[in-house]
């Protein structure tokens, strides 16, 4: 099992969600520690990052043999999460 590291930005986003949503997203993030390549993961073009959906939210992450690093969580129905991701690089 890989260690899961959640960035401050992703953690702050989770804190602003309702309890039920935060739990759902957190469970998906923790499951990435066991399987960082679930069937619904998609590699982002031009990077080593992947995205996976959890309900109406999108999780952006990368991983190595020992760690899964969640860099962003955002709403899936808008492109704000991708704008934030471009600003990280």
C-alpha atoms as a PDB file:
ATOM      1  CA  UNK A   1       0.000   0.000   0.000  1.00  0.00           C
ATOM      2  CA  UNK A   2       1.261   3.462  -0.919  1.00  0.00           C
ATOM      3  CA  UNK A   3       1.342   6.407   1.447  1.00  0.00           C
ATOM      4  CA  UNK A   4      -1.206   9.100   0.517  1.00  0.00           C
ATOM      5  CA  UNK A   5      -0.081  12.732   0.636  1.00  0.00           C
ATOM      6  CA  UNK A   6      -2.734  15.446   0.238  1.00  0.00           C
ATOM      7  CA  UNK A   7      -1.570  18.961  -0.668  1.00  0.00           C
ATOM      8  CA  UNK A   8      -2.624  21.935   1.450  1.00  0.00           C
ATOM      9  CA  UNK A   9      -4.777  23.220  -1.423  1.00  0.00           C
ATOM     10  CA  UNK A  10      -6.623  19.886  -1.735  1.00  0.00           C
ATOM     11  CA  UNK A  11      -7.000  19.623   2.051  1.00  0.00           C
ATOM     12  CA  UNK A  12      -8.397  23.141   2.276  1.00  0.00           C
ATOM     13  CA  UNK A  13     -10.913  22.303  -0.457  1.00  0.00           C
ATOM     14  CA  UNK A  14     -12.054  19.229   1.492  1.00  0.00           C
ATOM     15  CA  UNK A  15     -12.571  21.335   4.627  1.00  0.00           C
ATOM     16  CA  UNK A  16     -15.068  23.532   2.757  1.00  0.00           C
ATOM     17  CA  UNK A  17     -17.244  20.592   1.665  1.00  0.00           C
ATOM     18  CA  UNK A  18     -20.231  19.193   3.477  1.00  0.00           C
ATOM     19  CA  UNK A  19     -19.417  16.238   5.723  1.00  0.00           C
ATOM     20  CA  UNK A  20     -20.951  13.659   3.354  1.00  0.00           C
ATOM     21  CA  UNK A  21     -19.059  15.022   0.326  1.00  0.00           C
ATOM     22  CA  UNK A  22     -15.767  15.238   2.215  1.00  0.00           C
ATOM     23  CA  UNK A  23     -16.148  11.624   3.359  1.00  0.00           C
ATOM     24  CA  UNK A  24     -16.886  10.432  -0.187  1.00  0.00           C
ATOM     25  CA  UNK A  25     -13.867  12.252  -1.626  1.00  0.00           C
ATOM     26  CA  UNK A  26     -11.614  11.111   1.229  1.00  0.00           C
ATOM     27  CA  UNK A  27     -12.584   7.479   0.689  1.00  0.00           C
ATOM     28  CA  UNK A  28     -11.723   7.771  -3.012  1.00  0.00           C
ATOM     29  CA  UNK A  29      -8.380   9.379  -2.170  1.00  0.00           C
ATOM     30  CA  UNK A  30      -7.552   6.637   0.338  1.00  0.00           C
ATOM     31  CA  UNK A  31      -8.481   3.963  -2.208  1.00  0.00           C
ATOM     32  CA  UNK A  32      -5.819   5.420  -4.521  1.00  0.00           C
ATOM     33  CA  UNK A  33      -3.239   4.268  -1.966  1.00  0.00           C
ATOM     34  CA  UNK A  34      -4.255   0.679  -2.698  1.00  0.00           C
ATOM     35  CA  UNK A  35      -4.866   1.073  -6.424  1.00  0.00           C
ATOM     36  CA  UNK A  36      -3.514   4.264  -8.023  1.00  0.00           C
ATOM     37  CA  UNK A  37      -4.824   3.219 -11.447  1.00  0.00           C
ATOM     38  CA  UNK A  38      -8.546   2.491 -10.993  1.00  0.00           C
ATOM     39  CA  UNK A  39     -10.540   1.779 -14.146  1.00  0.00           C
ATOM     40  CA  UNK A  40     -11.894   5.348 -14.275  1.00  0.00           C
ATOM     41  CA  UNK A  41      -8.499   7.085 -14.035  1.00  0.00           C
ATOM     42  CA  UNK A  42      -7.299   9.118 -17.004  1.00  0.00           C
ATOM     43  CA  UNK A  43      -3.753  10.354 -17.610  1.00  0.00           C
ATOM     44  CA  UNK A  44      -3.654  14.107 -18.230  1.00  0.00           C
ATOM     45  CA  UNK A  45      -2.142  15.041 -21.575  1.00  0.00           C
ATOM     46  CA  UNK A  46       1.405  16.349 -21.423  1.00  0.00           C
ATOM     47  CA  UNK A  47       2.042  15.476 -17.774  1.00  0.00           C
ATOM     48  CA  UNK A  48       2.618  12.621 -15.348  1.00  0.00           C
ATOM     49  CA  UNK A  49      -0.611  13.420 -13.511  1.00  0.00           C
ATOM     50  CA  UNK A  50      -3.882  11.518 -13.530  1.00  0.00           C
ATOM     51  CA  UNK A  51      -7.454  12.429 -12.761  1.00  0.00           C
ATOM     52  CA  UNK A  52     -10.230  10.414 -11.224  1.00  0.00           C
ATOM     53  CA  UNK A  53     -13.798  11.375 -10.386  1.00  0.00           C
ATOM     54  CA  UNK A  54     -15.601  11.075  -7.081  1.00  0.00           C
ATOM     55  CA  UNK A  55     -19.237  12.023  -7.509  1.00  0.00           C
ATOM     56  CA  UNK A  56     -19.321  15.591  -8.775  1.00  0.00           C
ATOM     57  CA  UNK A  57     -15.660  16.197  -7.917  1.00  0.00           C
ATOM     58  CA  UNK A  58     -12.401  15.610  -9.768  1.00  0.00           C
ATOM     59  CA  UNK A  59      -9.169  14.519  -8.053  1.00  0.00           C
ATOM     60  CA  UNK A  60      -5.811  15.334  -9.705  1.00  0.00           C
ATOM     61  CA  UNK A  61      -2.876  13.211  -8.515  1.00  0.00           C
ATOM     62  CA  UNK A  62       0.382  11.493  -9.383  1.00  0.00           C
ATOM     63  CA  UNK A  63       2.103   8.492  -7.856  1.00  0.00           C
ATOM     64  CA  UNK A  64       5.325   6.541  -7.448  1.00  0.00           C
ATOM     65  CA  UNK A  65       6.012   3.085  -6.052  1.00  0.00           C
ATOM     66  CA  UNK A  66       5.682   4.400  -2.507  1.00  0.00           C
ATOM     67  CA  UNK A  67       3.411   7.476  -2.534  1.00  0.00           C
ATOM     68  CA  UNK A  68       0.241   8.901  -4.071  1.00  0.00           C
ATOM     69  CA  UNK A  69       0.312  12.697  -4.123  1.00  0.00           C
ATOM     70  CA  UNK A  70      -3.063  14.452  -4.441  1.00  0.00           C
ATOM     71  CA  UNK A  71      -2.441  17.983  -5.692  1.00  0.00           C
ATOM     72  CA  UNK A  72      -5.960  19.255  -6.440  1.00  0.00           C
ATOM     73  CA  UNK A  73      -9.600  18.493  -5.845  1.00  0.00           C
ATOM     74  CA  UNK A  74     -12.287  20.492  -7.615  1.00  0.00           C
ATOM     75  CA  UNK A  75     -15.720  20.485  -9.163  1.00  0.00           C
ATOM     76  CA  UNK A  76     -15.961  18.263 -12.174  1.00  0.00           C
ATOM     77  CA  UNK A  77     -18.536  20.263 -14.131  1.00  0.00           C
ATOM     78  CA  UNK A  78     -16.309  23.291 -14.688  1.00  0.00           C
ATOM     79  CA  UNK A  79     -12.769  23.783 -15.872  1.00  0.00           C
ATOM     80  CA  UNK A  80     -11.551  25.632 -12.773  1.00  0.00           C
ATOM     81  CA  UNK A  81      -9.618  22.599 -11.523  1.00  0.00           C
ATOM     82  CA  UNK A  82      -7.675  22.508 -14.803  1.00  0.00           C
ATOM     83  CA  UNK A  83      -6.904  26.248 -14.631  1.00  0.00           C
ATOM     84  CA  UNK A  84      -5.552  25.723 -11.121  1.00  0.00           C
ATOM     85  CA  UNK A  85      -3.541  22.734 -12.318  1.00  0.00           C
ATOM     86  CA  UNK A  86      -1.924  24.783 -15.110  1.00  0.00           C
ATOM     87  CA  UNK A  87      -0.943  27.423 -12.543  1.00  0.00           C
ATOM     88  CA  UNK A  88       0.814  24.775 -10.426  1.00  0.00           C
ATOM     89  CA  UNK A  89       3.225  23.892 -13.225  1.00  0.00           C
END
